[in-house]
Every structure is written in C-alpha cells, then in structure tokens.
Amino acid sequence: MLVNLKIAREARGYKQKDFAKLLGVSQQRYSTYELGKRQPDFSMLLQIAELLNITTDYLFGLTSETSDEINLPSEKEQQEKLSIAEKLLVDNYRKSSDEGKKAILGEAQFAALNSSENS
C-alpha cells in the first residue's frame, strides 16, 4: 500500500485529477492507488516517484523520512512549477524517440517564431 502517496501529491500542490492526467490514467484509477484498493505496476510506481521527486521507499512507508527530508519544494519553487500542459509536453518529449524529439523541438521553434512575428 502506498501510504504516503496522498501526502506527497498534496505537498507538491497537485489535485488528484491533474496528477492522474500527468500519469496518463483516469482519476478513478489513480484514486484506487491512494485508497490502497489497487497497486500500480512497477513502471507506474517509478513514474509516480519521479514526478513527485520522492523515493519508492517513502511511498511505501518503508522510511521514516518526513516530507522536509525528501526535498519537497519551497513555496517559491511551487509557484514556479510548470503548468499541466507544460508537464505533459515535457513528459511526451521524454517518452519520444529521437525522431519524435526532433519533431517536437521543430514544432516548438516554429510556434515561437510565428508568435514573435505576430507580436
């Protein structure tokens, strides 16, 4: 059971539905993880830990570290965090092949160029 999942998610400032979207699952599915009704598979577990910047040991309650000891962001860092759209873009970029990454970068450069020309 992921005893510290809800604590870590809330400490990062995520709403349940937004965090579920980042993970690519429904809010209903994600809720089952927090309620202990279902366990995520290994790759989902690693993705959760990475997005929350915590260890899997902390998620399972195997360490006694407090949230402060696992480097939860300061208030300023929380205010500077990426929007959901930005996080989805970064996540999709990381999952893409080299060709996909080149395409994403090309589209971003094209959009930025068009945006500055239209300003």
Protein backbone atom coordinates (compact mmCIF):
# COMPACT_ATOMS: atom_id res chain seq x y z
CA MET A 1 0.00 0.00 0.00
CA LEU A 2 1.30 3.45 -0.93
CA VAL A 3 0.85 5.01 2.50
CA ASN A 4 2.47 8.35 1.66
CA LEU A 5 1.13 8.87 -1.87
CA LYS A 6 -1.61 11.34 -0.98
CA ILE A 7 0.68 13.26 1.40
CA ALA A 8 3.39 13.64 -1.25
CA ARG A 9 0.92 14.57 -4.01
CA GLU A 10 -0.75 17.25 -1.88
CA ALA A 11 2.63 18.57 -0.68
CA ARG A 12 3.56 19.09 -4.34
CA GLY A 13 0.35 21.03 -4.89
CA TYR A 14 -1.29 18.61 -7.33
CA LYS A 15 -5.00 18.00 -7.42
CA GLN A 16 -5.84 14.33 -7.80
CA LYS A 17 -7.35 14.76 -11.27
CA ASP A 18 -4.35 16.75 -12.54
CA PHE A 19 -1.84 14.24 -11.21
CA ALA A 20 -3.82 11.37 -12.73
CA LYS A 21 -3.72 13.18 -16.07
CA LEU A 22 0.06 13.54 -15.81
CA LEU A 23 0.30 9.81 -15.23
CA GLY A 24 -1.99 9.06 -18.16
CA VAL A 25 -4.65 7.31 -16.08
CA SER A 26 -8.19 8.19 -15.11
CA GLN A 27 -8.84 9.94 -11.82
CA GLN A 28 -10.85 6.89 -10.77
CA ARG A 29 -7.89 4.57 -11.40
CA TYR A 30 -5.49 6.92 -9.60
CA SER A 31 -7.87 7.17 -6.65
CA THR A 32 -7.65 3.40 -6.19
CA TYR A 33 -3.89 3.79 -5.68
CA GLU A 34 -4.36 6.35 -2.92
CA LEU A 35 -7.10 4.29 -1.26
CA GLY A 36 -4.98 1.14 -1.37
CA LYS A 37 -7.58 -0.74 -3.41
CA ARG A 38 -5.14 -1.28 -6.26
CA GLN A 39 -1.37 -1.17 -6.65
CA PRO A 40 0.27 0.49 -9.66
CA ASP A 41 2.54 -1.62 -11.81
CA PHE A 42 6.28 -1.15 -11.49
CA SER A 43 6.66 1.38 -14.31
CA MET A 44 3.76 3.45 -12.94
CA LEU A 45 5.30 3.33 -9.47
CA LEU A 46 8.58 4.68 -10.83
CA GLN A 47 6.76 7.40 -12.76
CA ILE A 48 4.88 8.47 -9.62
CA ALA A 49 8.10 8.63 -7.60
CA GLU A 50 9.87 10.60 -10.34
CA LEU A 51 7.06 13.13 -10.77
CA LEU A 52 6.82 13.67 -7.02
CA ASN A 53 10.62 13.66 -6.62
CA ILE A 54 10.49 11.08 -3.83
CA THR A 55 11.76 7.56 -3.27
CA THR A 56 9.63 4.46 -3.66
CA ASP A 57 10.62 3.59 -0.09
CA TYR A 58 8.94 6.79 1.08
CA LEU A 59 5.81 5.98 -0.95
CA PHE A 60 5.52 2.59 0.74
CA GLY A 61 6.28 4.00 4.19
CA LEU A 62 9.50 2.00 4.46
CA THR A 63 11.50 5.03 5.54
CA SER A 64 10.76 7.37 8.38
CA GLU A 65 11.81 10.43 6.40
CA THR A 66 9.50 13.38 6.74
CA SER A 67 8.39 15.36 3.72
CA ASP A 68 11.01 18.01 4.55
CA GLU A 69 13.77 15.41 4.39
CA ILE A 70 12.80 14.33 0.90
CA ASN A 71 13.24 17.78 -0.58
CA LEU A 72 9.69 18.88 -1.13
CA PRO A 73 9.73 22.21 -2.92
CA SER A 74 9.71 25.54 -1.16
CA GLU A 75 6.73 27.85 -1.61
CA LYS A 76 8.69 29.80 -4.26
CA GLU A 77 9.52 26.59 -6.17
CA GLN A 78 5.87 25.56 -6.05
CA GLN A 79 4.86 28.90 -7.57
CA GLU A 80 7.42 28.46 -10.35
CA LYS A 81 6.34 24.94 -11.27
CA LEU A 82 5.25 24.10 -14.76
CA SER A 83 1.63 24.16 -15.84
CA ILE A 84 -0.09 20.84 -16.54
CA ALA A 85 0.24 21.46 -20.30
CA GLU A 86 3.96 22.12 -19.92
CA LYS A 87 4.43 18.97 -17.85
CA LEU A 88 2.53 16.91 -20.41
CA LEU A 89 4.72 18.33 -23.16
CA VAL A 90 7.91 17.50 -21.27
CA ASP A 91 6.62 14.03 -20.41
CA ASN A 92 5.72 13.32 -24.05
CA TYR A 93 9.11 14.64 -25.16
CA ARG A 94 10.91 12.31 -22.74
CA LYS A 95 8.93 9.31 -23.98
CA SER A 96 9.56 10.09 -27.66
CA SER A 97 12.11 8.54 -29.97
CA ASP A 98 14.99 10.68 -31.22
CA GLU A 99 12.97 11.48 -34.36
CA GLY A 100 9.95 12.38 -32.25
CA LYS A 101 12.07 14.68 -30.09
CA LYS A 102 13.39 16.45 -33.19
CA ALA A 103 9.83 16.91 -34.45
CA ILE A 104 8.65 18.30 -31.10
CA LEU A 105 11.57 20.75 -30.96
CA GLY A 106 10.96 21.80 -34.56
CA GLU A 107 7.29 22.49 -33.87
CA ALA A 108 8.17 24.47 -30.74
CA GLN A 109 10.70 26.59 -32.62
CA PHE A 110 8.22 27.17 -35.44
CA ALA A 111 5.49 28.20 -32.99
CA ALA A 112 7.85 30.57 -31.16
CA LEU A 113 8.99 32.15 -34.42
CA ASN A 114 5.41 32.68 -35.60
CA SER A 115 4.43 34.05 -32.20
CA SER A 116 7.22 36.64 -32.20
CA GLU A 117 6.43 37.68 -35.79
CA ASN A 118 2.77 38.22 -34.93
CA SER A 119 3.53 40.31 -31.85
